[in-house]
PDB file of N, CA and C in Angstrom:
ATOM      1  N   UNK A   1     145.976 -13.322  95.831  1.00  0.00           N
ATOM      2  CA  UNK A   1     146.097 -14.277  94.742  1.00  0.00           C
ATOM      3  C   UNK A   1     145.009 -13.989  93.706  1.00  0.00           C
ATOM      4  N   UNK A   2     145.367 -14.147  92.457  1.00  0.00           N
ATOM      5  CA  UNK A   2     144.408 -13.903  91.387  1.00  0.00           C
ATOM      6  C   UNK A   2     143.386 -15.041  91.318  1.00  0.00           C
ATOM      7  N   UNK A   3     142.236 -14.744  90.769  1.00  0.00           N
ATOM      8  CA  UNK A   3     141.195 -15.753  90.619  1.00  0.00           C
ATOM      9  C   UNK A   3     141.680 -16.892  89.730  1.00  0.00           C
ATOM     10  N   UNK A   4     142.304 -16.540  88.620  1.00  0.00           N
ATOM     11  CA  UNK A   4     142.792 -17.555  87.687  1.00  0.00           C
ATOM     12  C   UNK A   4     143.807 -18.479  88.363  1.00  0.00           C
ATOM     13  N   UNK A   5     144.687 -17.908  89.172  1.00  0.00           N
ATOM     14  CA  UNK A   5     145.672 -18.706  89.897  1.00  0.00           C
ATOM     15  C   UNK A   5     145.023 -19.654  90.894  1.00  0.00           C
ATOM     16  N   UNK A   6     144.019 -19.144  91.607  1.00  0.00           N
ATOM     17  CA  UNK A   6     143.315 -19.980  92.588  1.00  0.00           C
ATOM     18  C   UNK A   6     142.570 -21.121  91.903  1.00  0.00           C
ATOM     19  N   UNK A   7     141.903 -20.817  90.797  1.00  0.00           N
ATOM     20  CA  UNK A   7     141.167 -21.854  90.083  1.00  0.00           C
ATOM     21  C   UNK A   7     142.105 -22.905  89.506  1.00  0.00           C
ATOM     22  N   UNK A   8     143.269 -22.466  89.025  1.00  0.00           N
ATOM     23  CA  UNK A   8     144.193 -23.415  88.401  1.00  0.00           C
ATOM     24  C   UNK A   8     144.845 -24.356  89.413  1.00  0.00           C
ATOM     25  N   UNK A   9     144.740 -24.058  90.689  1.00  0.00           N
ATOM     26  CA  UNK A   9     145.235 -24.995  91.707  1.00  0.00           C
ATOM     27  C   UNK A   9     144.372 -26.250  91.770  1.00  0.00           C
ATOM     28  N   UNK A  10     143.077 -26.102  91.484  1.00  0.00           N
ATOM     29  CA  UNK A  10     142.144 -27.220  91.611  1.00  0.00           C
ATOM     30  C   UNK A  10     141.646 -27.751  90.278  1.00  0.00           C
ATOM     31  N   UNK A  11     141.727 -26.933  89.235  1.00  0.00           N
ATOM     32  CA  UNK A  11     141.121 -27.275  87.953  1.00  0.00           C
ATOM     33  C   UNK A  11     142.130 -27.114  86.825  1.00  0.00           C
ATOM     34  N   UNK A  12     141.844 -27.718  85.669  1.00  0.00           N
ATOM     35  CA  UNK A  12     142.669 -27.496  84.481  1.00  0.00           C
ATOM     36  C   UNK A  12     141.976 -26.447  83.622  1.00  0.00           C
ATOM     37  N   UNK A  13     142.744 -25.774  82.786  1.00  0.00           N
ATOM     38  CA  UNK A  13     142.199 -24.712  81.937  1.00  0.00           C
ATOM     39  C   UNK A  13     142.401 -25.104  80.467  1.00  0.00           C
ATOM     40  N   UNK A  14     141.436 -25.857  79.884  1.00  0.00           N
ATOM     41  CA  UNK A  14     141.592 -26.303  78.496  1.00  0.00           C
ATOM     42  C   UNK A  14     141.492 -25.174  77.478  1.00  0.00           C
ATOM     43  N   UNK A  15     140.833 -24.089  77.840  1.00  0.00           N
ATOM     44  CA  UNK A  15     140.707 -22.912  76.982  1.00  0.00           C
ATOM     45  C   UNK A  15     140.716 -21.689  77.900  1.00  0.00           C
ATOM     46  N   UNK A  16     141.114 -20.573  77.395  1.00  0.00           N
ATOM     47  CA  UNK A  16     141.228 -19.378  78.215  1.00  0.00           C
ATOM     48  C   UNK A  16     139.897 -19.037  78.899  1.00  0.00           C
ATOM     49  N   UNK A  17     139.916 -18.980  80.218  1.00  0.00           N
ATOM     50  CA  UNK A  17     138.725 -18.621  80.976  1.00  0.00           C
ATOM     51  C   UNK A  17     137.753 -19.762  81.213  1.00  0.00           C
ATOM     52  N   UNK A  18     138.086 -20.969  80.737  1.00  0.00           N
ATOM     53  CA  UNK A  18     137.235 -22.148  80.936  1.00  0.00           C
ATOM     54  C   UNK A  18     138.009 -23.121  81.825  1.00  0.00           C
ATOM     55  N   UNK A  19     137.439 -23.471  82.962  1.00  0.00           N
ATOM     56  CA  UNK A  19     138.111 -24.363  83.903  1.00  0.00           C
ATOM     57  C   UNK A  19     137.306 -25.631  84.061  1.00  0.00           C
ATOM     58  N   UNK A  20     138.006 -26.746  84.168  1.00  0.00           N
ATOM     59  CA  UNK A  20     137.362 -28.057  84.199  1.00  0.00           C
ATOM     60  C   UNK A  20     138.001 -28.898  85.284  1.00  0.00           C
ATOM     61  N   UNK A  21     137.189 -29.605  86.022  1.00  0.00           N
ATOM     62  CA  UNK A  21     137.720 -30.484  87.055  1.00  0.00           C
ATOM     63  C   UNK A  21     136.604 -31.182  87.796  1.00  0.00           C
ATOM     64  N   UNK A  22     136.984 -31.950  88.810  1.00  0.00           N
ATOM     65  CA  UNK A  22     136.016 -32.695  89.597  1.00  0.00           C
ATOM     66  C   UNK A  22     136.361 -32.551  91.085  1.00  0.00           C
ATOM     67  N   UNK A  23     136.276 -31.322  91.613  1.00  0.00           N
ATOM     68  CA  UNK A  23     136.604 -31.136  93.036  1.00  0.00           C
ATOM     69  C   UNK A  23     135.467 -31.645  93.928  1.00  0.00           C
ATOM     70  N   UNK A  24     135.755 -31.768  95.211  1.00  0.00           N
ATOM     71  CA  UNK A  24     134.713 -32.149  96.165  1.00  0.00           C
ATOM     72  C   UNK A  24     133.679 -31.029  96.241  1.00  0.00           C
ATOM     73  N   UNK A  25     132.525 -31.333  96.821  1.00  0.00           N
ATOM     74  CA  UNK A  25     131.464 -30.324  96.965  1.00  0.00           C
ATOM     75  C   UNK A  25     131.960 -29.139  97.797  1.00  0.00           C
ATOM     76  N   UNK A  26     132.756 -29.413  98.810  1.00  0.00           N
ATOM     77  CA  UNK A  26     133.294 -28.340  99.663  1.00  0.00           C
ATOM     78  C   UNK A  26     134.189 -27.408  98.857  1.00  0.00           C
ATOM     79  N   UNK A  27     135.098 -27.981  98.083  1.00  0.00           N
ATOM     80  CA  UNK A  27     135.999 -27.164  97.266  1.00  0.00           C
ATOM     81  C   UNK A  27     135.208 -26.444  96.184  1.00  0.00           C
ATOM     82  N   UNK A  28     134.225 -27.117  95.589  1.00  0.00           N
ATOM     83  CA  UNK A  28     133.378 -26.488  94.564  1.00  0.00           C
ATOM     84  C   UNK A  28     132.700 -25.241  95.122  1.00  0.00           C
ATOM     85  N   UNK A  29     132.150 -25.323  96.329  1.00  0.00           N
ATOM     86  CA  UNK A  29     131.485 -24.171  96.943  1.00  0.00           C
ATOM     87  C   UNK A  29     132.482 -23.058  97.268  1.00  0.00           C
ATOM     88  N   UNK A  30     133.667 -23.422  97.718  1.00  0.00           N
ATOM     89  CA  UNK A  30     134.704 -22.442  98.001  1.00  0.00           C
ATOM     90  C   UNK A  30     135.116 -21.718  96.715  1.00  0.00           C
ATOM     91  N   UNK A  31     135.335 -22.453  95.638  1.00  0.00           N
ATOM     92  CA  UNK A  31     135.700 -21.849  94.356  1.00  0.00           C
ATOM     93  C   UNK A  31     134.579 -20.955  93.829  1.00  0.00           C
ATOM     94  N   UNK A  32     133.331 -21.363  94.042  1.00  0.00           N
ATOM     95  CA  UNK A  32     132.191 -20.558  93.606  1.00  0.00           C
ATOM     96  C   UNK A  32     132.196 -19.199  94.309  1.00  0.00           C
ATOM     97  N   UNK A  33     132.327 -19.233  95.638  1.00  0.00           N
ATOM     98  CA  UNK A  33     132.330 -17.974  96.406  1.00  0.00           C
ATOM     99  C   UNK A  33     133.472 -17.066  95.962  1.00  0.00           C
ATOM    100  N   UNK A  34     134.638 -17.652  95.762  1.00  0.00           N
ATOM    101  CA  UNK A  34     135.792 -16.871  95.338  1.00  0.00           C
ATOM    102  C   UNK A  34     135.563 -16.269  93.951  1.00  0.00           C
ATOM    103  N   UNK A  35     135.025 -17.054  93.026  1.00  0.00           N
ATOM    104  CA  UNK A  35     134.786 -16.567  91.664  1.00  0.00           C
ATOM    105  C   UNK A  35     133.762 -15.434  91.657  1.00  0.00           C
ATOM    106  N   UNK A  36     132.697 -15.572  92.416  1.00  0.00           N
ATOM    107  CA  UNK A  36     131.657 -14.535  92.467  1.00  0.00           C
ATOM    108  C   UNK A  36     132.208 -13.251  93.077  1.00  0.00           C
ATOM    109  N   UNK A  37     133.018 -13.377  94.123  1.00  0.00           N
ATOM    110  CA  UNK A  37     133.593 -12.191  94.776  1.00  0.00           C
ATOM    111  C   UNK A  37     134.561 -11.443  93.862  1.00  0.00           C
ATOM    112  N   UNK A  38     135.315 -12.169  93.052  1.00  0.00           N
ATOM    113  CA  UNK A  38     136.373 -11.559  92.259  1.00  0.00           C
ATOM    114  C   UNK A  38     136.009 -11.295  90.800  1.00  0.00           C
ATOM    115  N   UNK A  39     134.812 -11.649  90.380  1.00  0.00           N
ATOM    116  CA  UNK A  39     134.488 -11.558  88.953  1.00  0.00           C
ATOM    117  C   UNK A  39     134.213 -10.138  88.479  1.00  0.00           C
ATOM    118  N   UNK A  40     134.022  -9.205  89.395  1.00  0.00           N
ATOM    119  CA  UNK A  40     133.690  -7.815  89.052  1.00  0.00           C
ATOM    120  C   UNK A  40     132.461  -7.786  88.158  1.00  0.00           C
ATOM    121  N   UNK A  41     132.625  -7.363  86.900  1.00  0.00           N
ATOM    122  CA  UNK A  41     131.489  -7.293  85.975  1.00  0.00           C
ATOM    123  C   UNK A  41     131.394  -8.523  85.086  1.00  0.00           C
ATOM    124  N   UNK A  42     132.189  -9.532  85.359  1.00  0.00           N
ATOM    125  CA  UNK A  42     132.192 -10.735  84.525  1.00  0.00           C
ATOM    126  C   UNK A  42     131.064 -11.688  84.855  1.00  0.00           C
ATOM    127  N   UNK A  43     131.040 -12.771  84.155  1.00  0.00           N
ATOM    128  CA  UNK A  43     130.019 -13.802  84.322  1.00  0.00           C
ATOM    129  C   UNK A  43     130.666 -15.061  84.875  1.00  0.00           C
ATOM    130  N   UNK A  44     129.952 -15.740  85.771  1.00  0.00           N
ATOM    131  CA  UNK A  44     130.425 -17.009  86.312  1.00  0.00           C
ATOM    132  C   UNK A  44     129.329 -18.042  86.103  1.00  0.00           C
ATOM    133  N   UNK A  45     129.699 -19.180  85.531  1.00  0.00           N
ATOM    134  CA  UNK A  45     128.787 -20.310  85.364  1.00  0.00           C
ATOM    135  C   UNK A  45     129.518 -21.524  85.916  1.00  0.00           C
ATOM    136  N   UNK A  46     128.859 -22.258  86.790  1.00  0.00           N
ATOM    137  CA  UNK A  46     129.456 -23.465  87.344  1.00  0.00           C
ATOM    138  C   UNK A  46     128.511 -24.626  87.071  1.00  0.00           C
ATOM    139  N   UNK A  47     129.050 -25.680  86.501  1.00  0.00           N
ATOM    140  CA  UNK A  47     128.268 -26.870  86.156  1.00  0.00           C
ATOM    141  C   UNK A  47     128.995 -28.080  86.735  1.00  0.00           C
ATOM    142  N   UNK A  48     128.256 -28.980  87.377  1.00  0.00           N
ATOM    143  CA  UNK A  48     128.876 -30.176  87.941  1.00  0.00           C
ATOM    144  C   UNK A  48     127.942 -31.362  87.763  1.00  0.00           C
ATOM    145  N   UNK A  49     128.538 -32.559  87.774  1.00  0.00           N
ATOM    146  CA  UNK A  49     127.736 -33.773  87.573  1.00  0.00           C
ATOM    147  C   UNK A  49     126.844 -34.012  88.782  1.00  0.00           C
ATOM    148  N   UNK A  50     125.677 -34.565  88.498  1.00  0.00           N
ATOM    149  CA  UNK A  50     124.676 -34.808  89.539  1.00  0.00           C
ATOM    150  C   UNK A  50     123.738 -35.914  89.065  1.00  0.00           C
ATOM    151  N   UNK A  51     123.343 -36.756  89.971  1.00  0.00           N
ATOM    152  CA  UNK A  51     122.393 -37.807  89.601  1.00  0.00           C
ATOM    153  C   UNK A  51     121.021 -37.179  89.434  1.00  0.00           C
ATOM    154  N   UNK A  52     120.569 -37.112  88.233  1.00  0.00           N
ATOM    155  CA  UNK A  52     119.284 -36.500  87.925  1.00  0.00           C
ATOM    156  C   UNK A  52     118.981 -36.719  86.460  1.00  0.00           C
ATOM    157  N   UNK A  53     117.870 -36.182  85.984  1.00  0.00           N
ATOM    158  CA  UNK A  53     117.468 -36.409  84.590  1.00  0.00           C
ATOM    159  C   UNK A  53     118.522 -35.987  83.568  1.00  0.00           C
ATOM    160  N   UNK A  54     119.205 -34.866  83.801  1.00  0.00           N
ATOM    161  CA  UNK A  54     120.186 -34.393  82.835  1.00  0.00           C
ATOM    162  C   UNK A  54     121.609 -34.791  83.185  1.00  0.00           C
ATOM    163  N   UNK A  55     121.830 -35.230  84.404  1.00  0.00           N
ATOM    164  CA  UNK A  55     123.157 -35.651  84.816  1.00  0.00           C
ATOM    165  C   UNK A  55     124.045 -34.525  85.316  1.00  0.00           C
ATOM    166  N   UNK A  56     123.481 -33.329  85.475  1.00  0.00           N
ATOM    167  CA  UNK A  56     124.271 -32.213  85.991  1.00  0.00           C
ATOM    168  C   UNK A  56     123.378 -31.189  86.678  1.00  0.00           C
ATOM    169  N   UNK A  57     124.011 -30.355  87.494  1.00  0.00           N
ATOM    170  CA  UNK A  57     123.379 -29.178  88.099  1.00  0.00           C
ATOM    171  C   UNK A  57     124.224 -27.981  87.717  1.00  0.00           C
ATOM    172  N   UNK A  58     123.697 -26.785  87.943  1.00  0.00           N
ATOM    173  CA  UNK A  58     124.427 -25.577  87.578  1.00  0.00           C
ATOM    174  C   UNK A  58     124.017 -24.415  88.462  1.00  0.00           C
ATOM    175  N   UNK A  59     124.852 -23.390  88.454  1.00  0.00           N
ATOM    176  CA  UNK A  59     124.497 -22.106  89.058  1.00  0.00           C
ATOM    177  C   UNK A  59     125.200 -21.026  88.249  1.00  0.00           C
ATOM    178  N   UNK A  60     124.597 -19.858  88.234  1.00  0.00           N
ATOM    179  CA  UNK A  60     125.120 -18.767  87.416  1.00  0.00           C
ATOM    180  C   UNK A  60     125.164 -17.478  88.223  1.00  0.00           C
ATOM    181  N   UNK A  61     126.019 -16.585  87.786  1.00  0.00           N
ATOM    182  CA  UNK A  61     126.121 -15.263  88.406  1.00  0.00           C
ATOM    183  C   UNK A  61     126.369 -14.236  87.312  1.00  0.00           C
ATOM    184  N   UNK A  62     125.538 -13.216  87.257  1.00  0.00           N
ATOM    185  CA  UNK A  62     125.727 -12.074  86.369  1.00  0.00           C
ATOM    186  C   UNK A  62     125.686 -12.428  84.877  1.00  0.00           C
ATOM    187  N   UNK A  63     124.778 -13.324  84.500  1.00  0.00           N
ATOM    188  CA  UNK A  63     124.612 -13.627  83.074  1.00  0.00           C
ATOM    189  C   UNK A  63     124.011 -12.425  82.375  1.00  0.00           C
ATOM    190  N   UNK A  64     124.495 -12.120  81.192  1.00  0.00           N
ATOM    191  CA  UNK A  64     124.013 -10.938  80.483  1.00  0.00           C
ATOM    192  C   UNK A  64     123.279 -11.276  79.194  1.00  0.00           C
ATOM    193  N   UNK A  65     123.738 -12.273  78.468  1.00  0.00           N
ATOM    194  CA  UNK A  65     123.177 -12.544  77.149  1.00  0.00           C
ATOM    195  C   UNK A  65     122.121 -13.641  77.159  1.00  0.00           C
ATOM    196  N   UNK A  66     122.141 -14.490  78.151  1.00  0.00           N
ATOM    197  CA  UNK A  66     121.164 -15.571  78.220  1.00  0.00           C
ATOM    198  C   UNK A  66     120.885 -15.868  79.684  1.00  0.00           C
ATOM    199  N   UNK A  67     119.945 -16.762  79.917  1.00  0.00           N
ATOM    200  CA  UNK A  67     119.680 -17.181  81.284  1.00  0.00           C
ATOM    201  C   UNK A  67     119.373 -18.664  81.309  1.00  0.00           C
ATOM    202  N   UNK A  68     119.814 -19.309  82.371  1.00  0.00           N
ATOM    203  CA  UNK A  68     119.496 -20.712  82.569  1.00  0.00           C
ATOM    204  C   UNK A  68     118.178 -20.767  83.325  1.00  0.00           C
ATOM    205  N   UNK A  69     117.284 -21.631  82.890  1.00  0.00           N
ATOM    206  CA  UNK A  69     115.964 -21.719  83.492  1.00  0.00           C
ATOM    207  C   UNK A  69     115.664 -23.171  83.821  1.00  0.00           C
ATOM    208  N   UNK A  70     115.048 -23.389  84.971  1.00  0.00           N
ATOM    209  CA  UNK A  70     114.601 -24.731  85.327  1.00  0.00           C
ATOM    210  C   UNK A  70     113.184 -24.893  84.799  1.00  0.00           C
ATOM    211  N   UNK A  71     112.984 -25.851  83.907  1.00  0.00           N
ATOM    212  CA  UNK A  71     111.663 -26.106  83.331  1.00  0.00           C
ATOM    213  C   UNK A  71     111.283 -27.539  83.654  1.00  0.00           C
ATOM    214  N   UNK A  72     110.445 -27.701  84.667  1.00  0.00           N
ATOM    215  CA  UNK A  72     109.992 -29.011  85.116  1.00  0.00           C
ATOM    216  C   UNK A  72     111.145 -29.972  85.350  1.00  0.00           C
ATOM    217  N   UNK A  73     112.185 -29.474  86.022  1.00  0.00           N
ATOM    218  CA  UNK A  73     113.333 -30.300  86.357  1.00  0.00           C
ATOM    219  C   UNK A  73     114.407 -30.382  85.292  1.00  0.00           C
ATOM    220  N   UNK A  74     114.184 -29.766  84.147  1.00  0.00           N
ATOM    221  CA  UNK A  74     115.164 -29.764  83.072  1.00  0.00           C
ATOM    222  C   UNK A  74     115.799 -28.375  82.979  1.00  0.00           C
ATOM    223  N   UNK A  75     117.114 -28.327  82.862  1.00  0.00           N
ATOM    224  CA  UNK A  75     117.822 -27.054  82.735  1.00  0.00           C
ATOM    225  C   UNK A  75     117.843 -26.641  81.271  1.00  0.00           C
ATOM    226  N   UNK A  76     117.321 -25.472  80.993  1.00  0.00           N
ATOM    227  CA  UNK A  76     117.284 -24.945  79.632  1.00  0.00           C
ATOM    228  C   UNK A  76     117.983 -23.589  79.592  1.00  0.00           C
ATOM    229  N   UNK A  77     118.480 -23.223  78.415  1.00  0.00           N
ATOM    230  CA  UNK A  77     119.077 -21.903  78.222  1.00  0.00           C
ATOM    231  C   UNK A  77     118.095 -21.077  77.412  1.00  0.00           C
ATOM    232  N   UNK A  78     117.743 -19.917  77.932  1.00  0.00           N
ATOM    233  CA  UNK A  78     116.816 -19.031  77.228  1.00  0.00           C
ATOM    234  C   UNK A  78     117.606 -17.831  76.714  1.00  0.00           C
ATOM    235  N   UNK A  79     117.524 -17.607  75.405  1.00  0.00           N
ATOM    236  CA  UNK A  79     118.181 -16.469  74.757  1.00  0.00           C
ATOM    237  C   UNK A  79     117.110 -15.460  74.398  1.00  0.00           C
ATOM    238  N   UNK A  80     117.235 -14.213  74.871  1.00  0.00           N
ATOM    239  CA  UNK A  80     116.247 -13.208  74.474  1.00  0.00           C
ATOM    240  C   UNK A  80     116.394 -12.910  72.989  1.00  0.00           C
ATOM    241  N   UNK A  81     115.282 -12.676  72.325  1.00  0.00           N
ATOM    242  CA  UNK A  81     115.354 -12.348  70.903  1.00  0.00           C
ATOM    243  C   UNK A  81     115.067 -10.863  70.729  1.00  0.00           C
ATOM    244  N   UNK A  82     115.732 -10.291  69.764  1.00  0.00           N
ATOM    245  CA  UNK A  82     115.522  -8.871  69.478  1.00  0.00           C
ATOM    246  C   UNK A  82     114.118  -8.679  68.920  1.00  0.00           C
ATOM    247  N   UNK A  83     113.513  -7.567  69.263  1.00  0.00           N
ATOM    248  CA  UNK A  83     112.185  -7.269  68.721  1.00  0.00           C
ATOM    249  C   UNK A  83     112.306  -7.119  67.210  1.00  0.00           C
ATOM    250  N   UNK A  84     111.488  -7.868  66.490  1.00  0.00           N
ATOM    251  CA  UNK A  84     111.514  -7.772  65.030  1.00  0.00           C
ATOM    252  C   UNK A  84     110.099  -7.944  64.503  1.00  0.00           C
ATOM    253  N   UNK A  85     109.922  -7.579  63.271  1.00  0.00           N
ATOM    254  CA  UNK A  85     108.609  -7.686  62.653  1.00  0.00           C
ATOM    255  C   UNK A  85     108.229  -9.155  62.501  1.00  0.00           C
ATOM    256  N   UNK A  86     106.966  -9.433  62.727  1.00  0.00           N
ATOM    257  CA  UNK A  86     106.471 -10.795  62.547  1.00  0.00           C
ATOM    258  C   UNK A  86     106.319 -11.045  61.056  1.00  0.00           C
ATOM    259  N   UNK A  87     106.922 -12.118  60.598  1.00  0.00           N
ATOM    260  CA  UNK A  87     106.875 -12.421  59.169  1.00  0.00           C
ATOM    261  C   UNK A  87     106.125 -13.715  58.940  1.00  0.00           C
ATOM    262  N   UNK A  88     105.372 -13.752  57.882  1.00  0.00           N
ATOM    263  CA  UNK A  88     104.649 -14.961  57.487  1.00  0.00           C
ATOM    264  C   UNK A  88     104.913 -15.231  56.021  1.00  0.00           C
ATOM    265  N   UNK A  89     104.991 -16.492  55.676  1.00  0.00           N
ATOM    266  CA  UNK A  89     105.153 -16.859  54.286  1.00  0.00           C
ATOM    267  C   UNK A  89     103.801 -17.323  53.758  1.00  0.00           C
ATOM    268  N   UNK A  90     103.370 -16.734  52.645  1.00  0.00           N
ATOM    269  CA  UNK A  90     102.095 -17.109  52.049  1.00  0.00           C
ATOM    270  C   UNK A  90     102.179 -18.474  51.361  1.00  0.00           C
ATOM    271  N   UNK A  91     101.038 -18.966  50.881  1.00  0.00           N
ATOM    272  CA  UNK A  91     100.970 -20.266  50.209  1.00  0.00           C
ATOM    273  C   UNK A  91     101.877 -20.295  48.984  1.00  0.00           C
ATOM    274  N   UNK A  92     101.977 -19.187  48.293  1.00  0.00           N
ATOM    275  CA  UNK A  92     102.797 -19.147  47.075  1.00  0.00           C
ATOM    276  C   UNK A  92     104.275 -18.905  47.381  1.00  0.00           C
ATOM    277  N   UNK A  93     104.648 -18.847  48.681  1.00  0.00           N
ATOM    278  CA  UNK A  93     106.046 -18.651  49.055  1.00  0.00           C
ATOM    279  C   UNK A  93     106.440 -17.186  49.200  1.00  0.00           C
ATOM    280  N   UNK A  94     105.498 -16.271  48.923  1.00  0.00           N
ATOM    281  CA  UNK A  94     105.820 -14.851  49.067  1.00  0.00           C
ATOM    282  C   UNK A  94     105.892 -14.490  50.548  1.00  0.00           C
ATOM    283  N   UNK A  95     106.708 -13.532  50.862  1.00  0.00           N
ATOM    284  CA  UNK A  95     106.917 -13.099  52.234  1.00  0.00           C
ATOM    285  C   UNK A  95     106.021 -11.910  52.527  1.00  0.00           C
ATOM    286  N   UNK A  96     105.237 -12.008  53.583  1.00  0.00           N
ATOM    287  CA  UNK A  96     104.385 -10.889  53.983  1.00  0.00           C
ATOM    288  C   UNK A  96     104.792 -10.464  55.393  1.00  0.00           C
ATOM    289  N   UNK A  97     104.670  -9.177  55.690  1.00  0.00           N
ATOM    290  CA  UNK A  97     105.022  -8.646  56.997  1.00  0.00           C
ATOM    291  C   UNK A  97     103.799  -8.011  57.625  1.00  0.00           C
ATOM    292  N   UNK A  98     103.581  -8.279  58.895  1.00  0.00           N
ATOM    293  CA  UNK A  98     102.455  -7.686  59.615  1.00  0.00           C
ATOM    294  C   UNK A  98     102.887  -6.414  60.274  1.00  0.00           C
TER     295      UNK A  98
END
């Protein structure tokens, strides 16, 4: 069975590749294992409601462009920035580069 077919048994697909639902913790863990096994080079992100400061928990697999980070109990997304020249604006508004 395809991953998409398995996920659509338990979840709805409001947009291509995005699945939404409220399965039990057991089913959530089963779907997670299946998604990770079948994702090949893809990315898997699972987010579910949880009693806590943000109201949700998450787990990720094979993120490439960003990473989720726990910062003192808060889930944040960190995006790497491309190396670029440090720029400063002078008092007169002119742009200077270091």
